[in-house]
C-alpha atoms as a PDB file:
ATOM      1  CA  MET A   1     -45.550 -50.672  54.364  1.00  0.00           C
ATOM      2  CA  VAL A   2     -47.692 -49.634  51.397  1.00  0.00           C
ATOM      3  CA  THR A   3     -47.919 -46.006  52.542  1.00  0.00           C
ATOM      4  CA  ASN A   4     -44.132 -45.633  52.331  1.00  0.00           C
ATOM      5  CA  LYS A   5     -44.229 -47.108  48.824  1.00  0.00           C
ATOM      6  CA  ILE A   6     -46.719 -44.447  47.739  1.00  0.00           C
ATOM      7  CA  TYR A   7     -44.626 -41.629  49.179  1.00  0.00           C
ATOM      8  CA  GLY A   8     -41.552 -43.182  47.559  1.00  0.00           C
ATOM      9  CA  LEU A   9     -43.303 -43.234  44.176  1.00  0.00           C
ATOM     10  CA  LEU A  10     -44.250 -39.577  44.613  1.00  0.00           C
ATOM     11  CA  GLY A  11     -40.623 -38.705  45.365  1.00  0.00           C
ATOM     12  CA  LEU A  12     -39.424 -40.623  42.301  1.00  0.00           C
ATOM     13  CA  ALA A  13     -42.011 -38.923  40.108  1.00  0.00           C
ATOM     14  CA  ARG A  14     -40.905 -35.510  41.382  1.00  0.00           C
ATOM     15  CA  ARG A  15     -37.259 -36.238  40.669  1.00  0.00           C
ATOM     16  CA  ALA A  16     -38.245 -37.422  37.185  1.00  0.00           C
ATOM     17  CA  GLY A  17     -40.127 -34.167  36.604  1.00  0.00           C
ATOM     18  CA  LYS A  18     -43.450 -35.976  36.223  1.00  0.00           C
ATOM     19  CA  ILE A  19     -45.519 -34.130  38.838  1.00  0.00           C
ATOM     20  CA  ALA A  20     -46.925 -30.683  39.445  1.00  0.00           C
ATOM     21  CA  SER A  21     -47.840 -29.649  42.972  1.00  0.00           C
ATOM     22  CA  GLY A  22     -49.787 -26.769  44.401  1.00  0.00           C
ATOM     23  CA  ASP A  23     -52.943 -25.093  43.157  1.00  0.00           C
ATOM     24  CA  SER A  24     -51.497 -22.970  40.348  1.00  0.00           C
ATOM     25  CA  ALA A  25     -49.209 -25.665  38.898  1.00  0.00           C
ATOM     26  CA  VAL A  26     -51.989 -28.267  38.991  1.00  0.00           C
ATOM     27  CA  GLU A  27     -54.420 -25.815  37.407  1.00  0.00           C
ATOM     28  CA  ALA A  28     -51.979 -25.012  34.582  1.00  0.00           C
ATOM     29  CA  ASN A  29     -51.461 -28.705  33.799  1.00  0.00           C
ATOM     30  CA  LEU A  30     -55.196 -29.432  33.914  1.00  0.00           C
ATOM     31  CA  LYS A  31     -55.737 -26.648  31.372  1.00  0.00           C
ATOM     32  CA  LYS A  32     -53.119 -28.292  29.131  1.00  0.00           C
ATOM     33  CA  GLN A  33     -54.810 -31.688  29.759  1.00  0.00           C
ATOM     34  CA  LYS A  34     -51.524 -33.263  30.835  1.00  0.00           C
ATOM     35  CA  VAL A  35     -52.713 -34.750  34.154  1.00  0.00           C
ATOM     36  CA  ALA A  36     -52.940 -38.554  34.425  1.00  0.00           C
ATOM     37  CA  LEU A  37     -53.912 -38.612  38.119  1.00  0.00           C
ATOM     38  CA  LEU A  38     -54.754 -36.019  40.756  1.00  0.00           C
ATOM     39  CA  LEU A  39     -53.786 -36.759  44.334  1.00  0.00           C
ATOM     40  CA  VAL A  40     -55.669 -34.712  46.944  1.00  0.00           C
ATOM     41  CA  ALA A  41     -54.618 -34.648  50.594  1.00  0.00           C
ATOM     42  CA  GLU A  42     -57.214 -35.831  53.091  1.00  0.00           C
ATOM     43  CA  ASP A  43     -56.861 -32.570  55.020  1.00  0.00           C
ATOM     44  CA  ALA A  44     -57.220 -30.316  51.964  1.00  0.00           C
ATOM     45  CA  SER A  45     -59.887 -27.637  52.233  1.00  0.00           C
ATOM     46  CA  SER A  46     -63.324 -28.529  50.952  1.00  0.00           C
ATOM     47  CA  GLY A  47     -63.230 -25.633  48.474  1.00  0.00           C
ATOM     48  CA  VAL A  48     -60.033 -26.876  46.840  1.00  0.00           C
ATOM     49  CA  THR A  49     -61.253 -30.470  46.888  1.00  0.00           C
ATOM     50  CA  ASP A  50     -64.595 -29.575  45.290  1.00  0.00           C
ATOM     51  CA  LYS A  51     -63.112 -27.262  42.646  1.00  0.00           C
ATOM     52  CA  PHE A  52     -60.478 -29.697  41.421  1.00  0.00           C
ATOM     53  CA  SER A  53     -62.637 -32.829  41.785  1.00  0.00           C
ATOM     54  CA  HIS A  54     -65.342 -31.313  39.576  1.00  0.00           C
ATOM     55  CA  TRP A  55     -62.764 -30.146  37.058  1.00  0.00           C
ATOM     56  CA  CYS A  56     -61.193 -33.615  36.940  1.00  0.00           C
ATOM     57  CA  ALA A  57     -64.627 -35.199  36.536  1.00  0.00           C
ATOM     58  CA  ASP A  58     -65.196 -33.054  33.442  1.00  0.00           C
ATOM     59  CA  LEU A  59     -61.793 -34.079  32.045  1.00  0.00           C
ATOM     60  CA  LYS A  60     -62.181 -37.725  33.140  1.00  0.00           C
ATOM     61  CA  VAL A  61     -59.007 -37.574  35.229  1.00  0.00           C
ATOM     62  CA  PRO A  62     -58.947 -40.034  38.164  1.00  0.00           C
ATOM     63  CA  VAL A  63     -58.833 -38.418  41.608  1.00  0.00           C
ATOM     64  CA  VAL A  64     -57.231 -40.112  44.610  1.00  0.00           C
ATOM     65  CA  THR A  65     -57.641 -38.914  48.181  1.00  0.00           C
ATOM     66  CA  PHE A  66     -54.616 -39.952  50.196  1.00  0.00           C
ATOM     67  CA  GLY A  67     -52.341 -38.795  53.018  1.00  0.00           C
ATOM     68  CA  GLN A  68     -51.869 -35.559  54.869  1.00  0.00           C
ATOM     69  CA  LYS A  69     -50.537 -32.304  53.401  1.00  0.00           C
ATOM     70  CA  GLU A  70     -47.439 -32.402  55.615  1.00  0.00           C
ATOM     71  CA  SER A  71     -46.531 -35.984  54.634  1.00  0.00           C
ATOM     72  CA  ILE A  72     -47.103 -35.355  50.936  1.00  0.00           C
ATOM     73  CA  GLY A  73     -44.939 -32.223  51.011  1.00  0.00           C
ATOM     74  CA  SER A  74     -42.230 -34.083  52.889  1.00  0.00           C
ATOM     75  CA  ALA A  75     -42.240 -36.915  50.323  1.00  0.00           C
ATOM     76  CA  LEU A  76     -41.785 -34.302  47.588  1.00  0.00           C
ATOM     77  CA  GLY A  77     -39.086 -32.406  49.460  1.00  0.00           C
ATOM     78  CA  GLN A  78     -41.332 -29.356  49.566  1.00  0.00           C
ATOM     79  CA  SER A  79     -43.632 -27.477  51.907  1.00  0.00           C
ATOM     80  CA  PRO A  80     -47.038 -29.049  52.725  1.00  0.00           C
ATOM     81  CA  ARG A  81     -49.048 -29.744  49.561  1.00  0.00           C
ATOM     82  CA  SER A  82     -52.774 -30.398  49.248  1.00  0.00           C
ATOM     83  CA  LEU A  83     -52.690 -31.174  45.499  1.00  0.00           C
ATOM     84  CA  VAL A  84     -50.302 -33.213  43.373  1.00  0.00           C
ATOM     85  CA  ALA A  85     -50.877 -33.820  39.671  1.00  0.00           C
ATOM     86  CA  VAL A  86     -49.123 -36.901  38.308  1.00  0.00           C
ATOM     87  CA  LEU A  87     -48.247 -36.191  34.680  1.00  0.00           C
ATOM     88  CA  ASP A  88     -47.009 -39.652  33.665  1.00  0.00           C
ATOM     89  CA  ASP A  89     -49.310 -42.620  33.000  1.00  0.00           C
ATOM     90  CA  GLY A  90     -46.816 -45.148  34.381  1.00  0.00           C
ATOM     91  CA  PHE A  91     -46.397 -43.341  37.686  1.00  0.00           C
ATOM     92  CA  ALA A  92     -50.166 -42.782  37.853  1.00  0.00           C
ATOM     93  CA  ARG A  93     -50.855 -46.519  37.423  1.00  0.00           C
ATOM     94  CA  ALA A  94     -48.216 -47.460  40.006  1.00  0.00           C
ATOM     95  CA  ILE A  95     -49.581 -45.004  42.578  1.00  0.00           C
ATOM     96  CA  ARG A  96     -53.183 -46.118  42.019  1.00  0.00           C
ATOM     97  CA  LYS A  97     -52.144 -49.761  42.334  1.00  0.00           C
ATOM     98  CA  ALA A  98     -50.252 -49.089  45.567  1.00  0.00           C
ATOM     99  CA  ILE A  99     -53.206 -47.186  47.012  1.00  0.00           C
ATOM    100  CA  SER A 100     -55.641 -49.938  46.055  1.00  0.00           C
ATOM    101  CA  GLU A 101     -53.391 -52.431  47.884  1.00  0.00           C
ATOM    102  CA  THR A 102     -53.719 -50.546  51.130  1.00  0.00           C
ATOM    103  CA  SER A 103     -56.589 -51.649  53.319  1.00  0.00           C
ATOM    104  CA  THR A 104     -56.979 -48.439  55.295  1.00  0.00           C
ATOM    105  CA  GLU A 105     -60.297 -46.681  55.195  1.00  0.00           C
ATOM    106  CA  SER A 106     -58.575 -43.305  54.805  1.00  0.00           C
ATOM    107  CA  SER A 107     -57.667 -44.062  51.188  1.00  0.00           C
ATOM    108  CA  GLN A 108     -60.339 -43.970  48.541  1.00  0.00           C
ATOM    109  CA  ILE A 109     -60.131 -44.012  44.788  1.00  0.00           C
ATOM    110  CA  SER A 110     -62.852 -42.442  42.725  1.00  0.00           C
ATOM    111  CA  ARG A 111     -63.095 -42.545  38.965  1.00  0.00           C
ATOM    112  CA  ARG A 112     -64.923 -39.424  37.907  1.00  0.00           C
END
């Protein structure tokens, strides 16, 4: 299943030290312009989604809406997470490719 592949890639990226999760860590990496992809949980608050989506649009960082906070946190071995910044281009490409392969309507990729 493609969804498991995406969560597996997130877990690998975390173990490789190539992600930042949570508002403050994502914000710090956006300020340093080290983010290759921002993953936002489908059940993230609209305020968080709007703030970080607009910021990523200004920086031309792709934003992907995928999964639920609980599932994302579980894949990372952490508490529920609404934001995950992928810091590596290779992992970012692999995650975007896996998401584009899924045919569910709940996944959407936007290039901002």
